[in-house]
Amino acid sequence: MRNRTRTAIFSILLGLACVLSFAGSAMAGTYFEATLPAWQGRGWCAGANKTAGSTTYYVELSSSSPNGGHFWVDDDSGTYIGAGIDLERGEYTWGAYVNAHARAYGGYATLYGRAIGNGPISDYVTGWYDLNG
């Protein structure tokens, strides 16, 4: 009877570990909350250090936002370095750094976003990001 109990507990723990490893890969990175301004204005989402040599960045949108968002990355001087990506609720993807300068850049970088729709309503979004994708 003891062996059955141990086997059952081991099986449950192993199954839980497998489930959490898959869930963890979908929720990689650092959590962010942001308001994407109305009329497609540029909104600050998050900032972090980008490692020189990084070729991609990751964004996952988890909020209940009906419109999703358009996201991109700028370096510390405001130069556009991360190709724009569009995401709906529950989606995630990797964006590419756009050229050799962007990939070589190491330092503070900012994730920006804007509402996908062009209208008078701001859009509140939450999710995860990693500027070193």
C-alpha atoms as a PDB file:
ATOM      1  CA  MET A   1       0.000   0.000   0.000  1.00  0.00           C
ATOM      2  CA  ARG A   2       2.842   2.377   0.787  1.00  0.00           C
ATOM      3  CA  ASN A   3       4.419   1.826  -2.617  1.00  0.00           C
ATOM      4  CA  ARG A   4       1.131   2.693  -4.340  1.00  0.00           C
ATOM      5  CA  THR A   5       0.835   5.894  -2.338  1.00  0.00           C
ATOM      6  CA  ARG A   6       4.429   6.875  -3.133  1.00  0.00           C
ATOM      7  CA  THR A   7       3.917   6.062  -6.806  1.00  0.00           C
ATOM      8  CA  ALA A   8       0.709   8.107  -6.915  1.00  0.00           C
ATOM      9  CA  ILE A   9       2.339  11.094  -5.216  1.00  0.00           C
ATOM     10  CA  PHE A  10       5.363  10.861  -7.513  1.00  0.00           C
ATOM     11  CA  SER A  11       3.107  10.688 -10.584  1.00  0.00           C
ATOM     12  CA  ILE A  12       1.113  13.723  -9.469  1.00  0.00           C
ATOM     13  CA  LEU A  13       4.261  15.743  -8.756  1.00  0.00           C
ATOM     14  CA  LEU A  14       5.819  14.752 -12.081  1.00  0.00           C
ATOM     15  CA  GLY A  15       2.641  15.738 -13.942  1.00  0.00           C
ATOM     16  CA  LEU A  16       2.492  19.063 -12.118  1.00  0.00           C
ATOM     17  CA  ALA A  17       6.136  19.765 -12.952  1.00  0.00           C
ATOM     18  CA  CYS A  18       5.458  19.089 -16.646  1.00  0.00           C
ATOM     19  CA  VAL A  19       2.421  21.376 -16.701  1.00  0.00           C
ATOM     20  CA  LEU A  20       4.273  24.192 -14.944  1.00  0.00           C
ATOM     21  CA  SER A  21       7.259  23.918 -17.287  1.00  0.00           C
ATOM     22  CA  PHE A  22       4.993  24.449 -20.315  1.00  0.00           C
ATOM     23  CA  ALA A  23       3.079  27.280 -18.630  1.00  0.00           C
ATOM     24  CA  GLY A  24       6.339  28.939 -17.610  1.00  0.00           C
ATOM     25  CA  SER A  25       7.620  28.980 -21.164  1.00  0.00           C
ATOM     26  CA  ALA A  26       4.498  30.800 -22.335  1.00  0.00           C
ATOM     27  CA  MET A  27       4.822  33.393 -19.559  1.00  0.00           C
ATOM     28  CA  ALA A  28       8.512  34.203 -19.845  1.00  0.00           C
ATOM     29  CA  GLY A  29       9.866  37.591 -18.913  1.00  0.00           C
ATOM     30  CA  THR A  30       8.808  40.482 -16.724  1.00  0.00           C
ATOM     31  CA  TYR A  31       5.228  41.550 -16.052  1.00  0.00           C
ATOM     32  CA  PHE A  32       4.022  44.939 -17.335  1.00  0.00           C
ATOM     33  CA  GLU A  33       0.856  47.048 -17.182  1.00  0.00           C
ATOM     34  CA  ALA A  34       0.281  49.947 -19.545  1.00  0.00           C
ATOM     35  CA  THR A  35      -2.346  52.265 -20.915  1.00  0.00           C
ATOM     36  CA  LEU A  36      -2.159  52.585 -24.686  1.00  0.00           C
ATOM     37  CA  PRO A  37      -3.313  56.136 -25.494  1.00  0.00           C
ATOM     38  CA  ALA A  38      -6.272  57.035 -27.692  1.00  0.00           C
ATOM     39  CA  TRP A  39      -5.722  58.049 -31.314  1.00  0.00           C
ATOM     40  CA  GLN A  40      -2.708  55.729 -31.624  1.00  0.00           C
ATOM     41  CA  GLY A  41      -0.509  57.839 -29.373  1.00  0.00           C
ATOM     42  CA  ARG A  42       2.795  56.377 -28.202  1.00  0.00           C
ATOM     43  CA  GLY A  43       2.545  54.841 -24.722  1.00  0.00           C
ATOM     44  CA  TRP A  44       5.370  53.711 -22.424  1.00  0.00           C
ATOM     45  CA  CYS A  45       4.974  50.043 -21.469  1.00  0.00           C
ATOM     46  CA  ALA A  46       8.261  49.054 -19.835  1.00  0.00           C
ATOM     47  CA  GLY A  47      11.992  49.621 -19.822  1.00  0.00           C
ATOM     48  CA  ALA A  48      14.958  47.350 -19.186  1.00  0.00           C
ATOM     49  CA  ASN A  49      18.551  46.721 -20.145  1.00  0.00           C
ATOM     50  CA  LYS A  50      19.075  45.135 -23.534  1.00  0.00           C
ATOM     51  CA  THR A  51      22.139  42.947 -23.898  1.00  0.00           C
ATOM     52  CA  ALA A  52      24.421  43.690 -26.845  1.00  0.00           C
ATOM     53  CA  GLY A  53      24.001  40.950 -29.412  1.00  0.00           C
ATOM     54  CA  SER A  54      20.330  40.220 -28.658  1.00  0.00           C
ATOM     55  CA  THR A  55      18.509  39.617 -31.930  1.00  0.00           C
ATOM     56  CA  THR A  56      14.886  39.398 -30.721  1.00  0.00           C
ATOM     57  CA  TYR A  57      12.512  40.613 -28.054  1.00  0.00           C
ATOM     58  CA  TYR A  58       9.425  38.883 -26.615  1.00  0.00           C
ATOM     59  CA  VAL A  59       5.975  40.238 -25.785  1.00  0.00           C
ATOM     60  CA  GLU A  60       2.954  38.350 -24.467  1.00  0.00           C
ATOM     61  CA  LEU A  61      -0.402  40.083 -24.045  1.00  0.00           C
ATOM     62  CA  SER A  62      -2.548  38.633 -21.262  1.00  0.00           C
ATOM     63  CA  SER A  63      -5.069  41.383 -20.587  1.00  0.00           C
ATOM     64  CA  SER A  64      -8.733  41.446 -21.442  1.00  0.00           C
ATOM     65  CA  SER A  65      -8.169  44.344 -23.830  1.00  0.00           C
ATOM     66  CA  PRO A  66     -10.649  44.056 -26.693  1.00  0.00           C
ATOM     67  CA  ASN A  67      -8.320  45.665 -29.236  1.00  0.00           C
ATOM     68  CA  GLY A  68      -4.854  44.314 -28.479  1.00  0.00           C
ATOM     69  CA  GLY A  69      -1.870  46.501 -29.221  1.00  0.00           C
ATOM     70  CA  HIS A  70       1.024  47.383 -31.506  1.00  0.00           C
ATOM     71  CA  PHE A  71       4.446  47.199 -29.774  1.00  0.00           C
ATOM     72  CA  TRP A  72       8.029  48.170 -30.628  1.00  0.00           C
ATOM     73  CA  VAL A  73      11.374  48.942 -28.921  1.00  0.00           C
ATOM     74  CA  ASP A  74      13.462  52.150 -28.878  1.00  0.00           C
ATOM     75  CA  ASP A  75      17.017  52.586 -27.577  1.00  0.00           C
ATOM     76  CA  ASP A  76      17.941  55.185 -24.927  1.00  0.00           C
ATOM     77  CA  SER A  77      18.162  57.983 -27.529  1.00  0.00           C
ATOM     78  CA  GLY A  78      14.660  57.263 -28.857  1.00  0.00           C
ATOM     79  CA  THR A  79      15.856  55.512 -32.010  1.00  0.00           C
ATOM     80  CA  TYR A  80      13.571  52.777 -33.282  1.00  0.00           C
ATOM     81  CA  ILE A  81      15.409  49.435 -32.938  1.00  0.00           C
ATOM     82  CA  GLY A  82      12.713  46.747 -32.530  1.00  0.00           C
ATOM     83  CA  ALA A  83      10.371  45.875 -35.413  1.00  0.00           C
ATOM     84  CA  GLY A  84       6.722  46.531 -34.646  1.00  0.00           C
ATOM     85  CA  ILE A  85       4.457  43.618 -33.710  1.00  0.00           C
ATOM     86  CA  ASP A  86       0.671  43.436 -33.369  1.00  0.00           C
ATOM     87  CA  LEU A  87      -0.866  41.261 -30.655  1.00  0.00           C
ATOM     88  CA  GLU A  88      -4.385  40.384 -29.602  1.00  0.00           C
ATOM     89  CA  ARG A  89      -5.359  39.137 -26.133  1.00  0.00           C
ATOM     90  CA  GLY A  90      -3.634  35.840 -25.277  1.00  0.00           C
ATOM     91  CA  GLU A  91      -1.107  36.055 -28.118  1.00  0.00           C
ATOM     92  CA  TYR A  92       2.667  36.190 -27.820  1.00  0.00           C
ATOM     93  CA  THR A  93       5.498  36.548 -30.287  1.00  0.00           C
ATOM     94  CA  TRP A  94       9.106  37.534 -30.777  1.00  0.00           C
ATOM     95  CA  GLY A  95       9.979  40.735 -32.605  1.00  0.00           C
ATOM     96  CA  ALA A  96      13.304  41.219 -34.394  1.00  0.00           C
ATOM     97  CA  TYR A  97      15.807  43.988 -33.825  1.00  0.00           C
ATOM     98  CA  VAL A  98      15.853  45.765 -37.166  1.00  0.00           C
ATOM     99  CA  ASN A  99      19.520  46.127 -38.167  1.00  0.00           C
ATOM    100  CA  ALA A 100      23.153  45.655 -37.123  1.00  0.00           C
ATOM    101  CA  HIS A 101      23.084  48.782 -34.912  1.00  0.00           C
ATOM    102  CA  ALA A 102      19.981  47.522 -33.112  1.00  0.00           C
ATOM    103  CA  ARG A 103      21.422  44.045 -32.543  1.00  0.00           C
ATOM    104  CA  ALA A 104      24.778  45.445 -31.375  1.00  0.00           C
ATOM    105  CA  TYR A 105      23.194  47.996 -29.037  1.00  0.00           C
ATOM    106  CA  GLY A 106      23.601  47.247 -25.348  1.00  0.00           C
ATOM    107  CA  GLY A 107      21.978  49.489 -22.748  1.00  0.00           C
ATOM    108  CA  TYR A 108      18.638  50.806 -21.609  1.00  0.00           C
ATOM    109  CA  ALA A 109      15.790  50.141 -24.033  1.00  0.00           C
ATOM    110  CA  THR A 110      12.084  50.925 -23.863  1.00  0.00           C
ATOM    111  CA  LEU A 111       9.067  48.901 -24.941  1.00  0.00           C
ATOM    112  CA  TYR A 112       6.375  51.197 -26.362  1.00  0.00           C
ATOM    113  CA  GLY A 113       2.868  50.439 -27.500  1.00  0.00           C
ATOM    114  CA  ARG A 114      -0.165  51.987 -29.107  1.00  0.00           C
ATOM    115  CA  ALA A 115      -3.773  50.944 -29.535  1.00  0.00           C
ATOM    116  CA  ILE A 116      -4.454  49.091 -32.769  1.00  0.00           C
ATOM    117  CA  GLY A 117      -7.735  50.882 -33.393  1.00  0.00           C
ATOM    118  CA  ASN A 118      -7.732  54.600 -34.201  1.00  0.00           C
ATOM    119  CA  GLY A 119     -10.303  56.126 -31.880  1.00  0.00           C
ATOM    120  CA  PRO A 120     -10.958  58.160 -28.726  1.00  0.00           C
ATOM    121  CA  ILE A 121     -10.679  55.306 -26.199  1.00  0.00           C
ATOM    122  CA  SER A 122      -7.491  54.417 -24.298  1.00  0.00           C
ATOM    123  CA  ASP A 123      -6.684  50.734 -24.017  1.00  0.00           C
ATOM    124  CA  TYR A 124      -5.366  49.157 -20.784  1.00  0.00           C
ATOM    125  CA  VAL A 125      -3.101  46.141 -21.375  1.00  0.00           C
ATOM    126  CA  THR A 126      -1.105  43.715 -19.228  1.00  0.00           C
ATOM    127  CA  GLY A 127       1.404  41.056 -20.153  1.00  0.00           C
ATOM    128  CA  TRP A 128       5.020  39.938 -20.070  1.00  0.00           C
ATOM    129  CA  TYR A 129       8.082  41.105 -21.978  1.00  0.00           C
ATOM    130  CA  ASP A 130      11.758  40.273 -22.375  1.00  0.00           C
ATOM    131  CA  LEU A 131      13.983  42.680 -24.336  1.00  0.00           C
ATOM    132  CA  ASN A 132      16.621  39.947 -24.718  1.00  0.00           C
ATOM    133  CA  GLY A 133      14.112  37.493 -26.257  1.00  0.00           C
END
